[in-house]
N, C-alpha and C. Protein backbone atom coordinates (compact mmCIF):
# COMPACT_ATOMS: atom_id res chain seq x y z
N MET A 1 -195.85 -134.93 2.62
CA MET A 1 -194.66 -134.00 3.20
C MET A 1 -193.19 -134.21 2.97
N LYS A 2 -192.62 -133.14 2.94
CA LYS A 2 -191.56 -133.19 2.50
C LYS A 2 -190.62 -132.88 4.26
N GLN A 3 -189.35 -133.70 3.85
CA GLN A 3 -188.54 -133.35 5.19
C GLN A 3 -186.93 -133.26 4.95
N ASN A 4 -186.42 -132.35 5.15
CA ASN A 4 -184.71 -131.80 4.98
C ASN A 4 -183.96 -133.21 5.71
N ILE A 5 -182.92 -133.35 4.74
CA ILE A 5 -181.98 -134.24 5.63
C ILE A 5 -180.31 -133.65 5.18
N THR A 6 -179.38 -134.09 6.01
CA THR A 6 -178.33 -133.18 5.87
C THR A 6 -177.21 -134.52 4.99
N LEU A 7 -176.22 -134.08 3.98
CA LEU A 7 -175.64 -134.78 3.40
C LEU A 7 -174.30 -134.08 3.45
N ALA A 8 -173.24 -135.13 3.28
CA ALA A 8 -172.13 -134.57 3.63
C ALA A 8 -171.21 -134.81 2.42
N LEU A 9 -170.31 -133.95 1.88
CA LEU A 9 -170.08 -134.12 0.23
C LEU A 9 -168.48 -133.60 0.45
N ASP A 10 -167.37 -134.12 -0.70
CA ASP A 10 -166.33 -133.06 -0.33
C ASP A 10 -166.32 -131.65 -1.28
N GLN A 11 -165.59 -131.30 -1.07
CA GLN A 11 -165.69 -129.56 -1.12
C GLN A 11 -165.72 -129.43 -2.86
N THR A 12 -164.96 -130.58 -3.27
CA THR A 12 -164.86 -130.38 -5.49
C THR A 12 -166.47 -130.90 -5.80
N ILE A 13 -166.89 -131.86 -5.28
CA ILE A 13 -168.36 -132.52 -5.73
C ILE A 13 -169.26 -131.03 -5.22
N LEU A 14 -169.12 -130.79 -4.23
CA LEU A 14 -170.09 -129.27 -3.60
C LEU A 14 -169.89 -128.49 -5.10
N LYS A 15 -168.73 -128.36 -5.33
CA LYS A 15 -168.94 -127.30 -5.87
C LYS A 15 -169.38 -127.62 -7.56
N ALA A 16 -168.55 -129.01 -8.30
CA ALA A 16 -168.95 -129.18 -8.95
C ALA A 16 -170.89 -129.36 -9.54
N ALA A 17 -171.53 -129.73 -8.33
CA ALA A 17 -172.73 -129.98 -8.48
C ALA A 17 -173.87 -128.70 -7.94
N ARG A 18 -172.71 -127.79 -7.38
CA ARG A 18 -173.49 -126.31 -7.76
C ARG A 18 -173.59 -125.96 -8.83
N ALA A 19 -172.50 -125.98 -9.69
CA ALA A 19 -172.25 -125.62 -11.23
C ALA A 19 -173.13 -126.40 -12.23
N LEU A 20 -173.46 -127.91 -11.90
CA LEU A 20 -174.08 -128.39 -12.55
C LEU A 20 -175.76 -128.14 -12.51
N ALA A 21 -176.18 -127.95 -11.18
CA ALA A 21 -177.45 -127.67 -11.04
C ALA A 21 -177.58 -126.01 -11.60
N ALA A 22 -176.66 -124.74 -11.52
CA ALA A 22 -176.72 -123.88 -12.30
C ALA A 22 -177.17 -123.67 -13.43
N GLN A 23 -176.49 -124.70 -14.06
CA GLN A 23 -176.71 -125.13 -15.63
C GLN A 23 -178.23 -125.67 -16.08
N ARG A 24 -178.57 -126.41 -14.69
CA ARG A 24 -179.82 -126.78 -15.57
C ARG A 24 -181.15 -125.97 -14.92
N GLY A 25 -180.70 -124.76 -13.94
CA GLY A 25 -181.66 -124.04 -13.28
C GLY A 25 -182.65 -124.71 -12.50
N THR A 26 -181.36 -125.20 -11.65
CA THR A 26 -182.68 -125.87 -10.12
C THR A 26 -181.59 -125.91 -9.02
N SER A 27 -181.83 -126.62 -8.41
CA SER A 27 -181.17 -126.47 -6.99
C SER A 27 -180.13 -127.94 -6.71
N ILE A 28 -179.44 -128.27 -5.96
CA ILE A 28 -178.90 -129.04 -5.70
C ILE A 28 -179.84 -130.21 -5.34
N SER A 29 -180.52 -129.41 -4.26
CA SER A 29 -181.80 -130.73 -3.42
C SER A 29 -182.79 -131.08 -4.17
N ALA A 30 -183.07 -129.95 -5.25
CA ALA A 30 -184.15 -130.44 -6.58
C ALA A 30 -183.66 -132.27 -7.31
N MET A 31 -182.13 -131.72 -7.67
CA MET A 31 -181.89 -132.93 -8.25
C MET A 31 -181.57 -133.93 -8.02
N LEU A 32 -181.00 -133.97 -6.65
CA LEU A 32 -180.71 -135.00 -5.89
C LEU A 32 -182.61 -136.20 -5.43
N ALA A 33 -183.23 -134.83 -5.20
CA ALA A 33 -185.00 -135.44 -5.19
C ALA A 33 -185.01 -135.94 -6.02
N ASP A 34 -184.90 -135.44 -7.65
CA ASP A 34 -185.37 -136.28 -8.69
C ASP A 34 -184.57 -137.38 -8.89
N GLU A 35 -183.09 -137.87 -8.81
CA GLU A 35 -182.23 -138.97 -8.93
C GLU A 35 -182.98 -139.62 -8.00
N LEU A 36 -183.31 -139.54 -6.53
CA LEU A 36 -183.72 -140.49 -5.65
C LEU A 36 -185.16 -141.04 -6.17
N GLN A 37 -185.99 -140.04 -7.09
CA GLN A 37 -187.15 -140.28 -6.54
C GLN A 37 -187.21 -141.35 -8.24
N MET A 38 -186.34 -141.31 -9.18
CA MET A 38 -186.10 -141.95 -10.13
C MET A 38 -185.57 -143.68 -9.93
N GLN A 39 -184.50 -143.38 -9.12
CA GLN A 39 -184.14 -144.81 -8.43
C GLN A 39 -184.93 -145.50 -7.31
N VAL A 40 -186.20 -145.17 -6.92
CA VAL A 40 -187.14 -145.51 -6.13
C VAL A 40 -187.93 -146.39 -7.14
N GLU A 41 -188.70 -145.65 -8.04
CA GLU A 41 -189.14 -146.01 -9.25
C GLU A 41 -189.15 -147.06 -10.14
N GLN A 42 -187.54 -147.28 -10.13
CA GLN A 42 -186.70 -148.24 -11.19
C GLN A 42 -187.11 -149.26 -10.04
N GLN A 43 -186.87 -149.10 -8.89
CA GLN A 43 -186.64 -150.47 -7.88
C GLN A 43 -188.20 -151.00 -7.89
N ARG A 44 -189.21 -150.09 -7.78
CA ARG A 44 -190.60 -150.66 -7.61
C ARG A 44 -190.80 -151.54 -8.86
N ARG A 45 -190.41 -150.92 -9.99
CA ARG A 45 -190.91 -151.43 -11.34
C ARG A 45 -189.87 -152.76 -11.53
N TYR A 46 -189.09 -152.78 -10.94
CA TYR A 46 -188.10 -154.06 -11.04
C TYR A 46 -188.73 -155.14 -10.01
N ASP A 47 -189.08 -154.69 -8.83
CA ASP A 47 -189.70 -155.99 -7.84
C ASP A 47 -191.15 -156.47 -8.63
N HIS A 48 -191.68 -155.41 -9.28
CA HIS A 48 -193.04 -155.92 -9.65
C HIS A 48 -192.88 -156.91 -10.86
N ALA A 49 -191.92 -156.29 -12.02
CA ALA A 49 -191.52 -157.14 -12.72
C ALA A 49 -191.56 -158.70 -12.59
N ARG A 50 -190.32 -158.95 -11.34
CA ARG A 50 -189.48 -159.86 -11.09
C ARG A 50 -191.09 -160.89 -10.36
N LEU A 51 -191.80 -160.27 -9.57
CA LEU A 51 -192.73 -161.21 -9.08
C LEU A 51 -193.61 -161.84 -10.41
N ILE A 52 -193.84 -161.24 -11.16
CA ILE A 52 -194.45 -161.64 -12.24
C ILE A 52 -193.83 -162.62 -13.16
N ALA A 53 -192.46 -162.28 -13.42
CA ALA A 53 -191.49 -163.41 -13.71
C ALA A 53 -191.50 -164.63 -12.98
N LEU A 54 -191.90 -164.35 -11.78
CA LEU A 54 -191.26 -165.67 -11.22
C LEU A 54 -192.76 -166.61 -10.80
N SER A 55 -193.89 -165.77 -11.03
CA SER A 55 -194.96 -166.28 -10.97
C SER A 55 -195.32 -167.17 -12.27
N LEU A 56 -194.91 -166.36 -13.43
CA LEU A 56 -195.11 -167.30 -14.60
C LEU A 56 -193.93 -168.33 -14.41
N LEU A 57 -193.08 -168.26 -13.80
CA LEU A 57 -192.00 -169.61 -13.46
C LEU A 57 -192.61 -170.84 -12.94
N GLU A 58 -193.38 -170.36 -11.43
CA GLU A 58 -193.94 -171.35 -11.16
C GLU A 58 -195.26 -172.15 -11.21
N ARG A 59 -195.81 -171.72 -12.80
CA ARG A 59 -196.77 -172.07 -13.35
C ARG A 59 -196.53 -172.91 -14.44
N GLY A 60 -195.07 -172.68 -15.00
CA GLY A 60 -194.45 -173.25 -15.98
C GLY A 60 -194.98 -172.96 -17.52
N PHE A 61 -194.28 -173.48 -18.35
CA PHE A 61 -195.33 -173.03 -19.92
C PHE A 61 -195.44 -174.09 -20.76
N SER A 62 -196.31 -173.81 -21.77
CA SER A 62 -197.00 -175.19 -22.41
C SER A 62 -195.75 -174.95 -23.82
N LEU A 63 -195.09 -176.20 -23.94
CA LEU A 63 -194.31 -176.27 -25.09
C LEU A 63 -194.93 -176.67 -26.25
N GLY A 64 -196.24 -176.98 -25.81
CA GLY A 64 -196.89 -177.77 -27.20
C GLY A 64 -196.43 -178.83 -27.66
N GLY A 65 -196.02 -179.69 -26.46
CA GLY A 65 -195.47 -181.31 -27.00
C GLY A 65 -196.55 -182.02 -26.48
N GLN A 66 -196.59 -183.38 -26.78
CA GLN A 66 -197.76 -184.44 -26.36
C GLN A 66 -197.39 -185.37 -25.26
N ALA A 67 -198.38 -185.64 -24.37
CA ALA A 67 -197.84 -186.56 -23.51
C ALA A 67 -197.61 -188.25 -24.06
N ILE A 68 -196.45 -188.83 -23.84
CA ILE A 68 -196.40 -190.22 -24.02
C ILE A 68 -196.79 -191.12 -23.01
N GLN A 69 -197.52 -192.05 -23.86
CA GLN A 69 -198.22 -193.38 -23.42
C GLN A 69 -197.51 -194.23 -22.72
N ASP A 70 -196.41 -194.47 -23.09
CA ASP A 70 -195.36 -195.35 -22.17
C ASP A 70 -194.63 -195.34 -22.91
N ARG A 71 -193.53 -195.91 -22.23
CA ARG A 71 -191.94 -196.40 -22.40
C ARG A 71 -191.75 -196.83 -23.69
N ALA A 72 -192.51 -197.77 -24.01
CA ALA A 72 -192.45 -198.50 -25.35
C ALA A 72 -192.70 -197.56 -26.46
N ALA A 73 -193.63 -196.77 -26.24
CA ALA A 73 -193.92 -195.76 -27.53
C ALA A 73 -192.86 -194.55 -27.46
N LEU A 74 -192.08 -194.09 -26.72
CA LEU A 74 -191.23 -193.43 -26.48
C LEU A 74 -189.79 -194.03 -27.66
N HIS A 75 -189.90 -195.28 -27.60
CA HIS A 75 -188.59 -196.04 -27.88
C HIS A 75 -189.12 -196.46 -29.19
N ASP A 76 -190.26 -196.06 -29.75
CA ASP A 76 -190.69 -196.82 -31.13
C ASP A 76 -190.09 -196.02 -32.34
N ARG A 77 -189.63 -196.94 -32.67
CA ARG A 77 -188.69 -196.50 -34.08
C ARG A 77 -189.43 -196.39 -35.48
N THR A 78 -190.76 -197.26 -35.55
CA THR A 78 -191.08 -197.57 -36.80
C THR A 78 -191.79 -196.19 -37.24
N ALA A 79 -192.15 -195.72 -35.88
CA ALA A 79 -192.66 -194.33 -36.62
C ALA A 79 -191.95 -193.07 -36.75
N LEU A 80 -190.41 -193.39 -36.91
CA LEU A 80 -189.74 -192.20 -37.43
C LEU A 80 -189.43 -192.61 -38.99
N ARG A 81 -189.95 -193.86 -39.51
CA ARG A 81 -189.19 -194.35 -40.84
C ARG A 81 -190.48 -194.57 -42.18
């Protein structure tokens, strides 16, 4: 269901918007509705991607390292020679 809203614009902006809408073969209302729809959809996609990224961060990433058995093994230099 669509609902009308009232928007207050400066006359110079309104005049330019009317000209732009005419060039595009549409109305100011349709232009604004399309732009708002794109903005809302972009925000939804961002929010979804953010939730996925945060859940990945909470799980952590495997960096392929090996577990260290003890502190002595960590500082063992003979294995490096």
